[in-house]
Protein backbone atom coordinates (compact mmCIF):
# COMPACT_ATOMS: atom_id res chain seq x y z
CA UNK A 1 200.64 188.94 -62.94
CA UNK A 2 199.94 191.52 -60.26
CA UNK A 3 199.93 194.60 -62.43
CA UNK A 4 197.42 193.11 -64.85
CA UNK A 5 194.77 192.23 -62.27
CA UNK A 6 193.13 195.60 -61.78
CA UNK A 7 189.89 194.12 -63.10
CA UNK A 8 188.43 190.64 -62.89
CA UNK A 9 188.40 188.38 -65.96
CA UNK A 10 184.69 189.05 -66.38
CA UNK A 11 185.10 192.82 -66.60
CA UNK A 12 185.64 195.72 -64.21
CA UNK A 13 185.49 195.23 -60.45
CA UNK A 14 182.55 197.61 -60.45
CA UNK A 15 180.65 195.56 -63.06
CA UNK A 16 178.24 193.85 -60.68
CA UNK A 17 176.45 192.14 -63.56
CA UNK A 18 178.74 190.47 -66.08
CA UNK A 19 178.83 192.57 -69.26
CA UNK A 20 176.74 190.97 -71.96
CA UNK A 21 174.65 188.86 -69.56
CA UNK A 22 171.13 189.25 -71.01
CA UNK A 23 169.48 188.15 -67.75
CA UNK A 24 170.58 191.35 -66.00
CA UNK A 25 170.92 189.34 -62.79
CA UNK A 26 173.59 189.89 -60.13
CA UNK A 27 175.44 186.64 -59.37
CA UNK A 28 177.62 186.72 -56.26
CA UNK A 29 181.18 185.41 -56.49
CA UNK A 30 182.10 182.47 -54.27
CA UNK A 31 184.78 183.13 -51.64
CA UNK A 32 188.22 181.82 -52.59
CA UNK A 33 190.10 181.34 -49.30
CA UNK A 34 188.41 178.68 -47.20
CA UNK A 35 190.93 177.46 -44.61
CA UNK A 36 189.94 177.28 -40.96
CA UNK A 37 191.40 178.17 -37.61
CA UNK A 38 191.08 174.98 -35.59
CA UNK A 39 191.88 173.68 -32.11
CA UNK A 40 192.53 170.23 -33.58
CA UNK A 41 196.11 168.94 -33.01
CA UNK A 42 198.37 169.68 -35.96
CA UNK A 43 196.05 172.29 -37.48
CA UNK A 44 197.72 174.57 -40.01
CA UNK A 45 196.09 177.60 -38.37
CA UNK A 46 195.79 177.04 -34.61
CA UNK A 47 194.16 179.67 -32.37
CA UNK A 48 196.84 181.98 -30.98
CA UNK A 49 196.54 185.36 -29.31
CA UNK A 50 197.81 188.18 -31.56
CA UNK A 51 198.47 185.96 -34.57
CA UNK A 52 195.47 186.90 -36.71
CA UNK A 53 194.25 190.19 -38.15
CA UNK A 54 190.79 190.96 -39.48
CA UNK A 55 190.37 193.33 -42.42
CA UNK A 56 186.84 194.75 -42.65
CA UNK A 57 184.74 197.55 -44.02
CA UNK A 58 182.14 199.17 -41.78
CA UNK A 59 180.08 199.67 -44.92
CA UNK A 60 179.90 195.97 -45.75
CA UNK A 61 177.24 193.84 -44.04
CA UNK A 62 179.24 190.65 -44.53
CA UNK A 63 182.27 192.17 -42.78
CA UNK A 64 180.35 193.67 -39.88
CA UNK A 65 178.91 190.22 -39.14
CA UNK A 66 182.32 189.08 -37.96
CA UNK A 67 183.07 192.36 -36.18
CA UNK A 68 179.91 191.88 -34.11
CA UNK A 69 180.86 188.27 -33.38
CA UNK A 70 184.40 189.29 -32.41
CA UNK A 71 183.06 191.72 -29.81
CA UNK A 72 180.33 189.43 -28.50
CA UNK A 73 182.93 186.69 -27.90
CA UNK A 74 185.39 188.99 -26.12
CA UNK A 75 188.09 188.57 -28.76
CA UNK A 76 189.23 192.20 -28.82
CA UNK A 77 192.62 191.38 -27.27
CA UNK A 78 193.00 188.15 -29.25
CA UNK A 79 192.33 189.22 -32.85
CA UNK A 80 193.24 192.70 -34.12
CA UNK A 81 191.22 194.46 -36.81
CA UNK A 82 191.29 197.45 -39.12
CA UNK A 83 188.79 198.98 -41.51
CA UNK A 84 189.31 200.16 -45.05
CA UNK A 85 188.00 203.52 -46.27
CA UNK A 86 184.33 203.49 -47.25
CA UNK A 87 185.03 204.26 -50.91
CA UNK A 88 185.45 201.42 -53.41
CA UNK A 89 187.00 202.40 -56.73
CA UNK A 90 188.37 200.60 -59.81
CA UNK A 91 191.04 198.89 -57.67
CA UNK A 92 188.60 197.83 -54.99
CA UNK A 93 188.75 198.75 -51.31
CA UNK A 94 191.54 201.15 -50.36
CA UNK A 95 193.22 201.77 -47.05
CA UNK A 96 192.71 205.26 -45.62
CA UNK A 97 195.64 207.63 -45.57
CA UNK A 98 196.77 210.18 -43.03
CA UNK A 99 195.06 212.87 -45.13
CA UNK A 100 191.61 211.27 -44.99
CA UNK A 101 189.25 213.14 -42.68
CA UNK A 102 185.94 211.83 -43.98
CA UNK A 103 185.95 208.27 -42.65
CA UNK A 104 185.66 208.42 -38.88
CA UNK A 105 185.52 205.16 -36.97
CA UNK A 106 187.49 202.84 -34.71
CA UNK A 107 190.64 201.49 -36.41
CA UNK A 108 189.98 203.17 -39.76
CA UNK A 109 193.72 203.32 -40.44
CA UNK A 110 196.36 202.47 -43.05
CA UNK A 111 197.22 198.78 -43.13
CA UNK A 112 198.68 198.21 -39.62
CA UNK A 113 200.21 194.77 -40.25
CA UNK A 114 204.02 194.80 -40.03
CA UNK A 115 205.57 194.56 -43.48
CA UNK A 116 202.53 196.08 -45.16
CA UNK A 117 203.69 199.69 -44.98
CA UNK A 118 203.52 200.08 -48.78
CA UNK A 119 200.11 198.44 -49.14
CA UNK A 120 197.56 200.97 -50.40
CA UNK A 121 194.63 198.67 -51.24
CA UNK A 122 193.16 195.46 -49.90
CA UNK A 123 194.13 193.88 -53.22
CA UNK A 124 197.76 194.04 -52.05
CA UNK A 125 196.90 191.59 -49.26
CA UNK A 126 195.23 189.27 -51.77
CA UNK A 127 198.19 189.35 -54.14
CA UNK A 128 200.59 188.66 -51.28
CA UNK A 129 198.58 185.52 -50.49
CA UNK A 130 198.20 184.55 -54.16
CA UNK A 131 200.06 186.52 -56.86
CA UNK A 132 197.78 184.95 -59.51
CA UNK A 133 194.53 185.88 -57.77
CA UNK A 134 191.80 186.89 -60.26
CA UNK A 135 188.63 187.33 -58.17
CA UNK A 136 187.09 190.25 -56.33
CA UNK A 137 188.89 191.76 -53.36
CA UNK A 138 186.20 191.25 -50.75
CA UNK A 139 185.90 191.81 -47.02
CA UNK A 140 186.09 190.37 -44.44
CA UNK A 141 189.60 188.94 -44.68
CA UNK A 142 191.02 186.87 -41.84
CA UNK A 143 194.79 187.16 -42.21
CA UNK A 144 197.59 185.18 -40.58
CA UNK A 145 200.45 187.50 -39.67
CA UNK A 146 202.75 184.55 -38.92
CA UNK A 147 202.63 182.91 -42.37
CA UNK A 148 201.63 186.11 -44.20
CA UNK A 149 198.64 184.65 -45.95
CA UNK A 150 194.84 184.82 -45.97
CA UNK A 151 193.15 182.14 -43.91
CA UNK A 152 189.57 182.80 -44.96
CA UNK A 153 187.42 185.44 -46.66
CA UNK A 154 183.99 183.83 -46.17
CA UNK A 155 182.08 185.69 -43.46
CA UNK A 156 179.81 182.83 -42.42
CA UNK A 157 182.81 180.55 -41.80
CA UNK A 158 184.77 183.21 -39.91
CA UNK A 159 181.73 183.89 -37.74
CA UNK A 160 181.54 180.20 -36.83
CA UNK A 161 185.28 180.02 -36.07
CA UNK A 162 184.94 182.96 -33.69
CA UNK A 163 182.09 181.17 -31.93
CA UNK A 164 184.17 178.16 -30.86
CA UNK A 165 187.81 177.98 -31.89
CA UNK A 166 189.18 180.66 -29.56
CA UNK A 167 187.33 179.49 -26.44
CA UNK A 168 190.57 178.55 -24.68
CA UNK A 169 191.75 182.17 -24.99
CA UNK A 170 188.71 183.97 -23.54
CA UNK A 171 187.20 184.12 -20.07
CA UNK A 172 184.44 181.83 -18.84
CA UNK A 173 181.64 184.29 -19.54
CA UNK A 174 182.56 184.60 -23.20
CA UNK A 175 183.42 180.92 -23.51
CA UNK A 176 179.80 179.97 -22.89
CA UNK A 177 178.53 182.14 -25.76
CA UNK A 178 177.68 179.92 -28.71
CA UNK A 179 176.16 181.39 -31.87
CA UNK A 180 175.42 177.91 -33.27
CA UNK A 181 174.11 175.85 -30.33
CA UNK A 182 173.55 172.17 -31.02
CA UNK A 183 169.85 172.15 -30.16
CA UNK A 184 169.10 174.92 -32.69
CA UNK A 185 171.40 173.96 -35.55
CA UNK A 186 168.77 172.47 -37.81
CA UNK A 187 166.55 175.55 -37.40
CA UNK A 188 169.48 177.91 -37.88
CA UNK A 189 170.57 176.18 -41.08
CA UNK A 190 167.04 176.22 -42.47
CA UNK A 191 166.63 179.91 -41.65
CA UNK A 192 169.98 180.82 -43.23
CA UNK A 193 169.01 179.08 -46.44
CA UNK A 194 166.11 181.39 -47.26
CA UNK A 195 167.35 184.54 -45.52
CA UNK A 196 170.72 184.54 -47.29
CA UNK A 197 169.33 184.11 -50.78
CA UNK A 198 166.22 186.24 -50.49
CA UNK A 199 167.16 188.96 -47.96
CA UNK A 200 170.94 189.27 -47.39
CA UNK A 201 171.71 188.76 -51.06
CA UNK A 202 168.23 189.76 -52.21
CA UNK A 203 168.87 193.46 -51.68
CA UNK A 204 171.92 193.21 -53.95
CA UNK A 205 170.06 191.21 -56.59
CA UNK A 206 167.47 194.00 -56.58
CA UNK A 207 169.90 196.91 -56.59
CA UNK A 208 172.41 195.61 -59.11
CA UNK A 209 169.87 194.25 -61.60
CA UNK A 210 170.24 195.71 -65.09
CA UNK A 211 166.86 194.67 -66.47
CA UNK A 212 163.35 195.41 -65.22
CA UNK A 213 162.51 191.73 -65.17
CA UNK A 214 165.53 190.82 -63.03
CA UNK A 215 164.81 193.67 -60.63
CA UNK A 216 161.14 192.87 -60.17
CA UNK A 217 161.82 189.16 -59.70
CA UNK A 218 164.37 189.90 -56.96
CA UNK A 219 162.51 192.69 -55.16
CA UNK A 220 159.22 190.79 -54.97
CA UNK A 221 161.03 187.76 -53.55
CA UNK A 222 162.84 190.03 -51.08
CA UNK A 223 159.63 191.46 -49.65
CA UNK A 224 157.97 188.07 -49.49
CA UNK A 225 160.92 186.96 -47.36
CA UNK A 226 160.65 190.08 -45.17
CA UNK A 227 156.97 189.25 -44.68
CA UNK A 228 158.03 185.77 -43.59
CA UNK A 229 160.56 187.19 -41.12
CA UNK A 230 157.95 189.59 -39.76
CA UNK A 231 155.46 186.77 -39.22
CA UNK A 232 158.07 184.72 -37.33
CA UNK A 233 159.01 187.57 -35.02
CA UNK A 234 155.36 188.39 -34.35
CA UNK A 235 154.70 184.77 -33.42
CA UNK A 236 157.77 184.39 -31.16
CA UNK A 237 157.82 187.86 -29.54
CA UNK A 238 156.60 186.50 -26.19
CA UNK A 239 159.51 184.03 -26.04
CA UNK A 240 162.21 186.72 -26.02
CA UNK A 241 163.75 189.57 -28.02
CA UNK A 242 165.98 187.47 -30.29
CA UNK A 243 165.14 185.33 -33.32
CA UNK A 244 165.09 182.20 -31.17
CA UNK A 245 163.82 183.79 -27.97
CA UNK A 246 166.39 184.30 -25.21
CA UNK A 247 169.58 183.38 -27.10
CA UNK A 248 171.54 185.42 -29.64
CA UNK A 249 172.49 183.16 -32.53
CA UNK A 250 174.03 183.47 -35.99
CA UNK A 251 170.59 184.34 -37.33
CA UNK A 252 170.43 187.55 -35.28
CA UNK A 253 173.92 188.58 -36.38
CA UNK A 254 173.48 187.73 -40.06
CA UNK A 255 170.04 189.27 -40.47
CA UNK A 256 170.71 192.41 -38.39
CA UNK A 257 173.45 193.70 -40.71
CA UNK A 258 171.01 193.76 -43.62
CA UNK A 259 168.00 195.16 -41.76
CA UNK A 260 170.00 198.00 -40.14
CA UNK A 261 171.03 199.15 -43.65
CA UNK A 262 167.58 198.81 -45.15
CA UNK A 263 166.00 202.22 -44.50
CA UNK A 264 169.19 204.34 -44.79
CA UNK A 265 170.38 202.72 -48.04
CA UNK A 266 168.48 199.86 -49.62
CA UNK A 267 165.08 201.59 -49.82
CA UNK A 268 166.29 204.37 -52.08
CA UNK A 269 169.65 203.25 -53.49
CA UNK A 270 168.70 199.66 -54.33
CA UNK A 271 165.03 200.49 -55.11
CA UNK A 272 163.81 198.18 -52.32
CA UNK A 273 160.90 200.52 -51.73
CA UNK A 274 157.76 198.44 -51.53
CA UNK A 275 157.89 199.21 -47.80
CA UNK A 276 160.48 200.40 -45.32
CA UNK A 277 161.29 198.71 -42.02
CA UNK A 278 160.31 201.47 -39.61
CA UNK A 279 156.78 201.91 -40.89
CA UNK A 280 156.10 198.61 -42.64
CA UNK A 281 157.47 195.90 -40.36
CA UNK A 282 156.82 196.59 -36.66
CA UNK A 283 158.17 193.26 -35.37
CA UNK A 284 161.37 193.45 -37.43
CA UNK A 285 161.76 197.07 -36.40
CA UNK A 286 161.40 196.20 -32.72
CA UNK A 287 163.84 193.27 -33.02
CA UNK A 288 166.45 195.39 -34.85
CA UNK A 289 166.25 198.27 -32.39
CA UNK A 290 166.52 195.97 -29.39
CA UNK A 291 169.81 194.59 -30.74
CA UNK A 292 171.13 198.04 -31.63
CA UNK A 293 170.22 199.88 -28.42
CA UNK A 294 170.71 197.14 -25.81
CA UNK A 295 173.60 194.99 -27.10
CA UNK A 296 176.71 197.20 -27.50
CA UNK A 297 178.41 194.94 -30.07
CA UNK A 298 175.64 195.64 -32.59
CA UNK A 299 175.57 199.41 -32.04
CA UNK A 300 179.35 199.88 -31.82
CA UNK A 301 179.97 198.02 -35.06
CA UNK A 302 177.34 199.99 -37.01
CA UNK A 303 178.82 203.06 -38.70
CA UNK A 304 176.16 204.93 -40.66
CA UNK A 305 178.67 207.38 -42.14
CA UNK A 306 180.56 204.54 -43.85
CA UNK A 307 177.35 202.72 -44.79
CA UNK A 308 175.64 205.66 -46.50
CA UNK A 309 178.74 207.08 -48.17
CA UNK A 310 179.96 203.76 -49.52
CA UNK A 311 176.82 202.71 -51.32
CA UNK A 312 175.90 206.09 -52.73
CA UNK A 313 179.42 207.09 -53.83
CA UNK A 314 180.90 203.78 -54.94
CA UNK A 315 178.21 202.72 -57.43
CA UNK A 316 178.31 205.29 -60.25
CA UNK A 317 176.21 203.05 -62.49
CA UNK A 318 173.35 203.53 -59.99
CA UNK A 319 174.10 207.03 -58.68
CA UNK A 320 176.39 208.74 -61.22
CA UNK A 321 176.62 212.05 -59.36
CA UNK A 322 177.42 210.44 -56.00
CA UNK A 323 174.71 212.32 -54.10
CA UNK A 324 174.16 210.92 -50.61
CA UNK A 325 170.57 211.41 -49.38
CA UNK A 326 170.23 213.19 -46.05
CA UNK A 327 167.49 210.92 -44.75
CA UNK A 328 166.01 209.04 -43.21
CA UNK A 329 166.34 211.09 -40.04
CA UNK A 330 167.36 209.63 -37.69
CA UNK A 331 169.28 206.70 -39.15
CA UNK A 332 167.64 204.52 -36.52
CA UNK A 333 164.74 205.45 -34.24
CA UNK A 334 165.09 205.31 -30.44
CA UNK A 335 163.51 202.35 -28.68
CA UNK A 336 160.57 204.37 -27.37
CA UNK A 337 159.76 206.31 -30.56
CA UNK A 338 157.67 205.21 -33.52
CA UNK A 339 157.00 206.70 -36.94
CA UNK A 340 154.45 209.51 -36.71
CA UNK A 341 151.28 208.61 -38.59
CA UNK A 342 150.46 211.03 -41.40
CA UNK A 343 147.68 213.40 -40.37
CA UNK A 344 148.04 212.65 -36.66
CA UNK A 345 150.36 215.48 -35.65
CA UNK A 346 148.55 218.61 -34.53
CA UNK A 347 145.19 216.93 -33.96
CA UNK A 348 143.52 216.91 -30.54
């Protein structure tokens, strides 16, 4: 029943490793709502302007994937969105209130969906869709205002829906944008396979580990994968600024949201400190900054205030006093500025 579901069956929402698991390894929950918006005749969830709402957190890399895709595809007038507050507590993500002044950002508002005036947490949306729901209350959530239910809460599937299923509702320029083009699909799938496990999820497996062995296993694999990404971007730099040269694909969107958080959060908070991006991975650094500074969807959907505050103040088992580090400064370097080499400044 709704009142009894404050925590998941395996323990508290904030128990990222199941209590009593001797491995100390973080194991990500599978998404529970897996329906699709489809242009196929008779589809349960057809594409319609104004019908769907996207719940996100600017702090969450999985959620900002779909925010970036929404903007790149010109879906701003087709699909509405709102962001939760950056803080995650025992009841999960909460909606900001009129008294909140510490969570600036576009559409960081109380739940704006009609009929949800009394909803205080994202969990309320989950329980409306399934009163017996027992999993985590994750973002993103693609919600159908017409049937008052959740369509999907798996970011990779929502991203792919946005790429194709609303093409009849956008202009020609945006209709031609395809994040999963046919001629690159095999390469995209192969890249996702190692990047998701070792990088996107690898930072979490490092940061949430509760044993030294689990941490070292995850962090070593993470940096081996970053080395692999660096080598690819070095090799393909002459072909264009994106992962596959001249075309933005799912790979750029899915990898960017992790790399942009790496130096501000993952280096110190998740102990991913073998190297940082700005001084240890020049090709990755160049690729990330190009997306951020030259493609507005990436920059506009990156909110460092939410990112830094969420991680450092929502994980008391890692940072019990909730201290948010000031650095690095700046959060992201300008395109034409590099890290100053130690001992160089002041020499002639």
